[in-house]
Amino acid sequence: MDSENISQNQKILSAVSYLVVGILIYFISEELQKDNFFKFHVKQSIVLLIIDIIVVVIVPVLTFILAWIPFINILFLIVDIILDLFIFIFILIGIYNSMNGKMVNLPVIGEYSKYINI
């Protein structure tokens, strides 16, 4: 899709899709569900949300289970911070791409959005 054909409103809504409220807006508005540009960025955002939920659940569970190993809490804290930082950077990349009218997959995880059928 050519970035010249994308309105400023579409760009802003697509940038907001990287926040949870943007995903909700997509599912509420039938008009926005027809917008392929917005849908592309919502799918990318859903992949990020799924990964974030996995990180939020698995890291504390592993920390609790393996707490008897010395320094494991510190190790998992560092891993959690690094994963959260990557998620934040991917969100910024997604917002940047959407504000520039680009439909570019996010690095590493963007390909998984094609498996989301909305």
C-alpha atoms as a PDB file:
ATOM      1  CA  MET A   1       0.000   0.000   0.000  1.00  0.00           C
ATOM      2  CA  ASP A   2       1.378   3.382  -0.987  1.00  0.00           C
ATOM      3  CA  SER A   3       1.912   5.731   1.940  1.00  0.00           C
ATOM      4  CA  GLU A   4       0.474   8.631  -0.070  1.00  0.00           C
ATOM      5  CA  ASN A   5      -2.944   6.919  -0.158  1.00  0.00           C
ATOM      6  CA  ILE A   6      -3.093   6.576   3.617  1.00  0.00           C
ATOM      7  CA  SER A   7      -4.795   9.362   5.538  1.00  0.00           C
ATOM      8  CA  GLN A   8      -3.368  10.932   8.662  1.00  0.00           C
ATOM      9  CA  ASN A   9      -6.304   9.488  10.597  1.00  0.00           C
ATOM     10  CA  GLN A  10      -5.410   5.968   9.432  1.00  0.00           C
ATOM     11  CA  LYS A  11      -1.793   6.509  10.453  1.00  0.00           C
ATOM     12  CA  ILE A  12      -2.743   7.732  13.929  1.00  0.00           C
ATOM     13  CA  LEU A  13      -5.244   4.916  14.506  1.00  0.00           C
ATOM     14  CA  SER A  14      -2.675   2.376  13.348  1.00  0.00           C
ATOM     15  CA  ALA A  15      -0.108   3.837  15.748  1.00  0.00           C
ATOM     16  CA  VAL A  16      -2.656   3.600  18.569  1.00  0.00           C
ATOM     17  CA  SER A  17      -3.202  -0.061  17.656  1.00  0.00           C
ATOM     18  CA  TYR A  18       0.130  -0.829  19.341  1.00  0.00           C
ATOM     19  CA  LEU A  19      -1.583   0.047  22.612  1.00  0.00           C
ATOM     20  CA  VAL A  20      -4.245  -2.319  23.903  1.00  0.00           C
ATOM     21  CA  VAL A  21      -6.930   0.328  23.426  1.00  0.00           C
ATOM     22  CA  GLY A  22      -6.203   0.315  19.683  1.00  0.00           C
ATOM     23  CA  ILE A  23      -6.933  -3.401  19.490  1.00  0.00           C
ATOM     24  CA  LEU A  24     -10.237  -2.809  21.269  1.00  0.00           C
ATOM     25  CA  ILE A  25     -11.096   0.020  18.870  1.00  0.00           C
ATOM     26  CA  TYR A  26     -10.535  -2.356  15.967  1.00  0.00           C
ATOM     27  CA  PHE A  27     -12.989  -4.929  17.299  1.00  0.00           C
ATOM     28  CA  ILE A  28     -15.618  -2.300  18.135  1.00  0.00           C
ATOM     29  CA  SER A  29     -15.594  -0.467  14.790  1.00  0.00           C
ATOM     30  CA  GLU A  30     -16.893  -2.351  11.751  1.00  0.00           C
ATOM     31  CA  GLU A  31     -15.592   0.411   9.486  1.00  0.00           C
ATOM     32  CA  LEU A  32     -12.035   0.006  10.765  1.00  0.00           C
ATOM     33  CA  GLN A  33     -12.182  -3.767  10.299  1.00  0.00           C
ATOM     34  CA  LYS A  34     -12.344  -3.128   6.539  1.00  0.00           C
ATOM     35  CA  ASP A  35      -9.177  -0.994   6.568  1.00  0.00           C
ATOM     36  CA  ASN A  36      -6.273  -3.243   5.500  1.00  0.00           C
ATOM     37  CA  PHE A  37      -3.619  -0.802   6.763  1.00  0.00           C
ATOM     38  CA  PHE A  38      -5.143  -0.669  10.234  1.00  0.00           C
ATOM     39  CA  LYS A  39      -5.751  -4.436  10.230  1.00  0.00           C
ATOM     40  CA  PHE A  40      -2.082  -5.084   9.382  1.00  0.00           C
ATOM     41  CA  HIS A  41      -0.888  -3.068  12.381  1.00  0.00           C
ATOM     42  CA  VAL A  42      -3.513  -4.563  14.704  1.00  0.00           C
ATOM     43  CA  LYS A  43      -2.253  -8.044  13.801  1.00  0.00           C
ATOM     44  CA  GLN A  44       1.323  -6.994  14.579  1.00  0.00           C
ATOM     45  CA  SER A  45       0.113  -5.564  17.866  1.00  0.00           C
ATOM     46  CA  ILE A  46      -1.736  -8.753  18.797  1.00  0.00           C
ATOM     47  CA  VAL A  47       1.465 -10.760  18.266  1.00  0.00           C
ATOM     48  CA  LEU A  48       3.292  -8.365  20.600  1.00  0.00           C
ATOM     49  CA  LEU A  49       0.500  -8.636  23.162  1.00  0.00           C
ATOM     50  CA  ILE A  50       0.617 -12.441  23.094  1.00  0.00           C
ATOM     51  CA  ILE A  51       4.395 -12.425  23.568  1.00  0.00           C
ATOM     52  CA  ASP A  52       4.086  -9.926  26.409  1.00  0.00           C
ATOM     53  CA  ILE A  53       1.462 -12.040  28.168  1.00  0.00           C
ATOM     54  CA  ILE A  54       3.692 -15.104  27.828  1.00  0.00           C
ATOM     55  CA  VAL A  55       6.628 -13.196  29.329  1.00  0.00           C
ATOM     56  CA  VAL A  56       4.499 -11.823  32.155  1.00  0.00           C
ATOM     57  CA  VAL A  57       3.247 -15.308  33.053  1.00  0.00           C
ATOM     58  CA  ILE A  58       6.212 -17.589  32.409  1.00  0.00           C
ATOM     59  CA  VAL A  59       9.094 -15.602  33.895  1.00  0.00           C
ATOM     60  CA  PRO A  60       7.530 -15.253  37.382  1.00  0.00           C
ATOM     61  CA  VAL A  61       6.414 -18.901  37.358  1.00  0.00           C
ATOM     62  CA  LEU A  62       9.914 -20.072  36.457  1.00  0.00           C
ATOM     63  CA  THR A  63      11.372 -17.758  39.078  1.00  0.00           C
ATOM     64  CA  PHE A  64       9.082 -19.234  41.724  1.00  0.00           C
ATOM     65  CA  ILE A  65       9.747 -22.835  40.704  1.00  0.00           C
ATOM     66  CA  LEU A  66      13.517 -22.408  40.507  1.00  0.00           C
ATOM     67  CA  ALA A  67      13.906 -20.032  43.469  1.00  0.00           C
ATOM     68  CA  TRP A  68      15.984 -22.604  45.379  1.00  0.00           C
ATOM     69  CA  ILE A  69      18.859 -22.136  42.872  1.00  0.00           C
ATOM     70  CA  PRO A  70      21.201 -19.328  43.989  1.00  0.00           C
ATOM     71  CA  PHE A  71      21.012 -16.141  41.912  1.00  0.00           C
ATOM     72  CA  ILE A  72      18.186 -17.474  39.738  1.00  0.00           C
ATOM     73  CA  ASN A  73      15.933 -14.585  40.772  1.00  0.00           C
ATOM     74  CA  ILE A  74      18.499 -12.093  39.525  1.00  0.00           C
ATOM     75  CA  LEU A  75      18.964 -14.019  36.286  1.00  0.00           C
ATOM     76  CA  PHE A  76      15.229 -14.118  35.565  1.00  0.00           C
ATOM     77  CA  LEU A  77      14.899 -10.444  36.482  1.00  0.00           C
ATOM     78  CA  ILE A  78      17.560  -9.607  33.904  1.00  0.00           C
ATOM     79  CA  VAL A  79      15.875 -11.824  31.296  1.00  0.00           C
ATOM     80  CA  ASP A  80      12.519 -10.188  32.054  1.00  0.00           C
ATOM     81  CA  ILE A  81      13.960  -6.696  31.667  1.00  0.00           C
ATOM     82  CA  ILE A  82      15.626  -7.604  28.373  1.00  0.00           C
ATOM     83  CA  LEU A  83      12.453  -9.175  26.954  1.00  0.00           C
ATOM     84  CA  ASP A  84      10.345  -6.199  28.061  1.00  0.00           C
ATOM     85  CA  LEU A  85      12.867  -3.857  26.446  1.00  0.00           C
ATOM     86  CA  PHE A  86      12.646  -5.771  23.162  1.00  0.00           C
ATOM     87  CA  ILE A  87       8.846  -5.630  23.274  1.00  0.00           C
ATOM     88  CA  PHE A  88       8.985  -1.878  23.914  1.00  0.00           C
ATOM     89  CA  ILE A  89      11.409  -1.388  21.000  1.00  0.00           C
ATOM     90  CA  PHE A  90       9.134  -3.426  18.709  1.00  0.00           C
ATOM     91  CA  ILE A  91       6.198  -1.246  19.762  1.00  0.00           C
ATOM     92  CA  LEU A  92       8.191   1.877  18.877  1.00  0.00           C
ATOM     93  CA  ILE A  93       9.170   0.377  15.499  1.00  0.00           C
ATOM     94  CA  GLY A  94       5.516  -0.456  14.806  1.00  0.00           C
ATOM     95  CA  ILE A  95       4.388   3.052  15.717  1.00  0.00           C
ATOM     96  CA  TYR A  96       7.153   4.542  13.544  1.00  0.00           C
ATOM     97  CA  ASN A  97       6.162   2.370  10.572  1.00  0.00           C
ATOM     98  CA  SER A  98       2.468   3.149  10.947  1.00  0.00           C
ATOM     99  CA  MET A  99       3.054   6.891  11.230  1.00  0.00           C
ATOM    100  CA  ASN A 100       5.120   6.732   8.035  1.00  0.00           C
ATOM    101  CA  GLY A 101       2.380   4.804   6.222  1.00  0.00           C
ATOM    102  CA  LYS A 102       4.422   1.615   5.916  1.00  0.00           C
ATOM    103  CA  MET A 103       3.201  -1.951   6.131  1.00  0.00           C
ATOM    104  CA  VAL A 104       6.496  -3.507   7.206  1.00  0.00           C
ATOM    105  CA  ASN A 105       6.703  -6.622   9.376  1.00  0.00           C
ATOM    106  CA  LEU A 106       8.338  -6.191  12.743  1.00  0.00           C
ATOM    107  CA  PRO A 107      11.757  -7.847  13.020  1.00  0.00           C
ATOM    108  CA  VAL A 108      11.764 -11.503  14.133  1.00  0.00           C
ATOM    109  CA  ILE A 109       8.085 -11.679  15.167  1.00  0.00           C
ATOM    110  CA  GLY A 110       6.289  -9.900  12.335  1.00  0.00           C
ATOM    111  CA  GLU A 111       5.882 -13.006  10.204  1.00  0.00           C
ATOM    112  CA  TYR A 112       3.653 -14.570  12.874  1.00  0.00           C
ATOM    113  CA  SER A 113       0.973 -11.922  12.309  1.00  0.00           C
ATOM    114  CA  LYS A 114      -0.086 -13.650   9.077  1.00  0.00           C
ATOM    115  CA  TYR A 115      -1.385 -16.527  11.205  1.00  0.00           C
ATOM    116  CA  ILE A 116      -3.823 -14.238  13.000  1.00  0.00           C
ATOM    117  CA  ASN A 117      -7.143 -14.358  11.223  1.00  0.00           C
ATOM    118  CA  ILE A 118      -9.268 -11.343  12.107  1.00  0.00           C
END
